[in-house]
Amino acid sequence: MKSLSAEQLDALQEFINIGVGRAASILNDMLDCPILLRIPLIEVFDTAQLQQKLEKRFNGGCFSTVRLGFSGEFSGTAELLFPTESASILISVLTGEAPDSPDLDAVKIGTLSEIGNIVINGVMGSISNLLRQHLHYAIPVYMEDTIQNLLLHSGQSCNENVFLLAQTRFEIQQLEIIGDIILIFEVSSFGALIKAIDLELGVPS
């Protein structure tokens, strides 16, 4: 897997930060709860590296994720992923449901799906608009599983995937809830993305 230059990573980080900024503005308008989204770090991994990174970072366990497929000049899937405990805290804060409420799980699926849809569309919309590429989107899907199983069911051949990991911080009422935005591309599709970025940066082909 070819490593990215500092300029390419900076461009990706800028695109994604613009997207999450727009998503945060939409969420703030929808919810009676100020939300600040931050993306302090973006990294590129293959499947084994990403699994090791997330399991070490979150000490294993189960994750809640919202997955949305996209297609066009470059295609893949995008995910907003939280450790399940963080997801429950986030939903409890946003909805007012007690963390031990029997209704929380049902509320969690609907609320996280909506949040994931807004955040992922914000990110992918920013990338596609700034690179002048048209993308089509699938319906968001909510899942709960281990990171290993989630990666196995990413919808593409894992051995041929490139994973773009954007560590995400949701800052809500002095709570810092950590999740991740993961963009999954097949190698050829990732190459098309980088080619579009180089064109935008004026890098000779």
Protein backbone atom coordinates (compact mmCIF):
# COMPACT_ATOMS: atom_id res chain seq x y z
CA MET A 1 0.00 0.00 0.00
CA LYS A 2 1.50 3.30 -1.11
CA SER A 3 1.91 5.81 1.73
CA LEU A 4 0.36 9.24 1.36
CA SER A 5 2.32 12.46 1.27
CA ALA A 6 1.90 15.07 4.00
CA GLU A 7 0.07 17.29 1.48
CA GLN A 8 -2.40 14.52 0.60
CA LEU A 9 -3.11 13.77 4.27
CA ASP A 10 -3.52 17.48 5.03
CA ALA A 11 -6.00 17.80 2.18
CA LEU A 12 -8.01 14.79 3.39
CA GLN A 13 -8.03 16.14 6.94
CA GLU A 14 -9.24 19.53 5.71
CA PHE A 15 -12.02 17.94 3.62
CA ILE A 16 -13.18 15.78 6.54
CA ASN A 17 -13.01 18.64 9.05
CA ILE A 18 -15.19 20.77 6.77
CA GLY A 19 -17.65 17.87 6.54
CA VAL A 20 -17.89 17.25 10.28
CA GLY A 21 -18.22 20.99 10.87
CA ARG A 22 -21.29 21.04 8.63
CA ALA A 23 -22.63 17.91 10.33
CA ALA A 24 -22.16 19.46 13.78
CA SER A 25 -24.10 22.54 12.66
CA ILE A 26 -27.01 20.36 11.48
CA LEU A 27 -26.99 18.32 14.72
CA ASN A 28 -26.91 21.49 16.83
CA ASP A 29 -29.99 22.76 14.99
CA MET A 30 -31.81 19.43 15.47
CA LEU A 31 -30.95 18.74 19.10
CA ASP A 32 -31.27 20.88 22.19
CA CYS A 33 -27.70 20.03 23.06
CA PRO A 34 -24.58 21.82 21.71
CA ILE A 35 -22.28 19.36 19.93
CA LEU A 36 -18.70 20.02 18.90
CA LEU A 37 -17.04 17.52 16.57
CA ARG A 38 -13.26 17.36 16.30
CA ILE A 39 -11.01 15.27 14.04
CA PRO A 40 -7.52 15.45 15.60
CA LEU A 41 -5.92 12.66 13.56
CA ILE A 42 -6.27 10.87 10.22
CA GLU A 43 -4.38 7.67 9.41
CA VAL A 44 -4.37 5.09 6.60
CA PHE A 45 -4.33 1.34 7.34
CA ASP A 46 -4.80 -2.06 5.79
CA THR A 47 -7.25 -4.50 7.43
CA ALA A 48 -4.86 -6.12 9.94
CA GLN A 49 -3.40 -2.76 11.00
CA LEU A 50 -6.83 -1.21 11.55
CA GLN A 51 -8.11 -4.16 13.57
CA GLN A 52 -5.02 -4.05 15.80
CA LYS A 53 -5.28 -0.28 16.19
CA LEU A 54 -8.96 -0.27 17.22
CA GLU A 55 -8.74 -3.29 19.51
CA LYS A 56 -5.78 -1.73 21.32
CA ARG A 57 -7.40 1.69 21.49
CA PHE A 58 -10.75 0.46 22.81
CA ASN A 59 -9.63 -2.73 24.63
CA GLY A 60 -11.73 -4.99 22.40
CA GLY A 61 -15.41 -5.37 23.19
CA CYS A 62 -18.47 -4.67 21.08
CA PHE A 63 -19.01 -1.69 18.80
CA SER A 64 -22.03 0.16 17.49
CA THR A 65 -21.65 1.35 13.92
CA VAL A 66 -23.65 3.08 11.23
CA ARG A 67 -22.53 2.04 7.74
CA LEU A 68 -23.34 3.80 4.49
CA GLY A 69 -22.24 2.70 1.03
CA PHE A 70 -21.26 5.21 -1.66
CA SER A 71 -20.43 4.87 -5.34
CA GLY A 72 -19.29 7.05 -8.23
CA GLU A 73 -15.83 8.04 -9.45
CA PHE A 74 -14.60 6.33 -6.29
CA SER A 75 -16.68 3.92 -4.23
CA GLY A 76 -16.66 2.14 -0.90
CA THR A 77 -18.34 2.33 2.48
CA ALA A 78 -18.21 4.88 5.27
CA GLU A 79 -18.81 4.09 8.93
CA LEU A 80 -19.35 6.02 12.14
CA LEU A 81 -18.22 3.68 14.90
CA PHE A 82 -18.50 3.87 18.69
CA PRO A 83 -17.72 1.45 21.52
CA THR A 84 -21.20 0.30 22.58
CA GLU A 85 -20.87 1.89 26.03
CA SER A 86 -19.98 5.27 24.48
CA ALA A 87 -22.92 4.93 22.10
CA SER A 88 -25.29 4.38 25.02
CA ILE A 89 -23.91 7.42 26.88
CA LEU A 90 -24.23 9.55 23.75
CA ILE A 91 -27.85 8.52 23.21
CA SER A 92 -28.70 8.98 26.89
CA VAL A 93 -27.34 12.54 26.81
CA LEU A 94 -29.11 13.41 23.55
CA THR A 95 -32.51 11.83 24.31
CA GLY A 96 -32.77 12.10 28.09
CA GLU A 97 -33.32 8.33 28.40
CA ALA A 98 -31.66 6.82 31.49
CA PRO A 99 -28.63 4.62 30.64
CA ASP A 100 -30.37 1.61 32.24
CA SER A 101 -33.75 2.27 30.58
CA PRO A 102 -35.23 -0.78 28.81
CA ASP A 103 -36.25 1.57 25.97
CA LEU A 104 -32.71 2.82 25.36
CA ASP A 105 -31.72 0.11 22.86
CA ALA A 106 -34.68 0.83 20.58
CA VAL A 107 -34.06 4.57 20.80
CA LYS A 108 -30.33 4.05 20.25
CA ILE A 109 -30.72 2.36 16.87
CA GLY A 110 -32.90 5.11 15.43
CA THR A 111 -30.92 8.00 16.92
CA LEU A 112 -27.47 6.65 16.02
CA SER A 113 -28.64 5.85 12.50
CA GLU A 114 -29.76 9.46 12.08
CA ILE A 115 -26.53 10.86 13.60
CA GLY A 116 -24.43 8.52 11.45
CA ASN A 117 -26.33 9.49 8.33
CA ILE A 118 -25.78 13.21 9.01
CA VAL A 119 -22.07 12.86 9.88
CA ILE A 120 -21.21 10.48 7.03
CA ASN A 121 -23.14 12.52 4.46
CA GLY A 122 -21.40 15.63 5.74
CA VAL A 123 -17.97 14.05 5.32
CA MET A 124 -18.58 12.39 1.95
CA GLY A 125 -20.49 15.43 0.68
CA SER A 126 -17.52 17.63 1.56
CA ILE A 127 -15.06 15.29 -0.19
CA SER A 128 -17.21 14.96 -3.31
CA ASN A 129 -18.00 18.69 -3.54
CA LEU A 130 -14.43 19.87 -3.03
CA LEU A 131 -13.11 17.33 -5.53
CA ARG A 132 -16.04 17.96 -7.89
CA GLN A 133 -16.98 14.28 -7.96
CA HIS A 134 -20.61 13.06 -7.94
CA LEU A 135 -21.43 10.24 -5.51
CA HIS A 136 -24.51 8.07 -4.95
CA TYR A 137 -25.43 6.91 -1.44
CA ALA A 138 -27.10 3.79 -0.09
CA ILE A 139 -29.46 3.64 2.90
CA PRO A 140 -27.58 3.69 6.24
CA VAL A 141 -27.39 0.38 8.12
CA TYR A 142 -26.96 0.01 11.90
CA MET A 143 -24.87 -2.88 13.28
CA GLU A 144 -23.43 -4.07 16.61
CA ASP A 145 -20.52 -6.53 16.68
CA THR A 146 -16.83 -6.99 17.42
CA ILE A 147 -14.39 -5.00 15.30
CA GLN A 148 -13.14 -8.21 13.67
CA ASN A 149 -16.63 -9.17 12.47
CA LEU A 150 -17.47 -5.62 11.41
CA LEU A 151 -14.36 -5.52 9.24
CA LEU A 152 -15.14 -8.95 7.79
CA HIS A 153 -18.59 -7.68 6.77
CA SER A 154 -17.43 -4.36 5.36
CA GLY A 155 -19.00 -5.27 2.02
CA GLN A 156 -15.75 -5.60 0.08
CA SER A 157 -12.78 -7.98 -0.06
CA CYS A 158 -10.90 -7.08 3.11
CA ASN A 159 -7.51 -8.05 1.70
CA GLU A 160 -7.93 -5.48 -1.06
CA ASN A 161 -9.18 -2.64 1.14
CA VAL A 162 -7.61 0.61 2.25
CA PHE A 163 -9.03 2.06 5.47
CA LEU A 164 -8.95 5.78 6.17
CA LEU A 165 -9.41 6.26 9.93
CA ALA A 166 -10.45 9.66 11.27
CA GLN A 167 -10.48 9.62 15.07
CA THR A 168 -13.52 11.62 16.12
CA ARG A 169 -14.32 13.40 19.37
CA PHE A 170 -17.91 14.33 20.18
CA GLU A 171 -17.77 17.04 22.85
CA ILE A 172 -21.18 17.42 24.50
CA GLN A 173 -21.84 19.27 27.76
CA GLN A 174 -18.30 18.69 29.07
CA LEU A 175 -18.48 15.01 28.07
CA GLU A 176 -15.89 13.78 25.59
CA ILE A 177 -17.30 10.79 23.71
CA ILE A 178 -14.82 9.18 21.36
CA GLY A 179 -15.75 7.44 18.14
CA ASP A 180 -14.26 6.96 14.72
CA ILE A 181 -15.15 7.73 11.13
CA ILE A 182 -13.82 4.96 8.88
CA LEU A 183 -13.79 5.29 5.10
CA ILE A 184 -13.24 1.97 3.32
CA PHE A 185 -12.00 1.85 -0.27
CA GLU A 186 -10.81 -0.88 -2.56
CA VAL A 187 -7.23 -0.20 -3.62
CA SER A 188 -8.20 0.92 -7.15
CA SER A 189 -10.92 3.21 -5.82
CA PHE A 190 -8.56 4.72 -3.24
CA GLY A 191 -6.15 5.40 -6.09
CA ALA A 192 -8.90 7.31 -7.90
CA LEU A 193 -9.51 9.39 -4.75
CA ILE A 194 -5.82 10.26 -4.41
CA LYS A 195 -5.61 11.10 -8.12
CA ALA A 196 -8.52 13.53 -7.67
CA ILE A 197 -6.79 15.09 -4.64
CA ASP A 198 -3.53 15.49 -6.57
CA LEU A 199 -5.47 17.17 -9.37
CA GLU A 200 -7.02 19.57 -6.85
CA LEU A 201 -3.58 20.26 -5.35
CA GLY A 202 -2.05 20.80 -8.77
CA VAL A 203 0.36 17.87 -8.43
CA PRO A 204 1.66 16.68 -11.84
CA SER A 205 0.27 13.24 -12.78
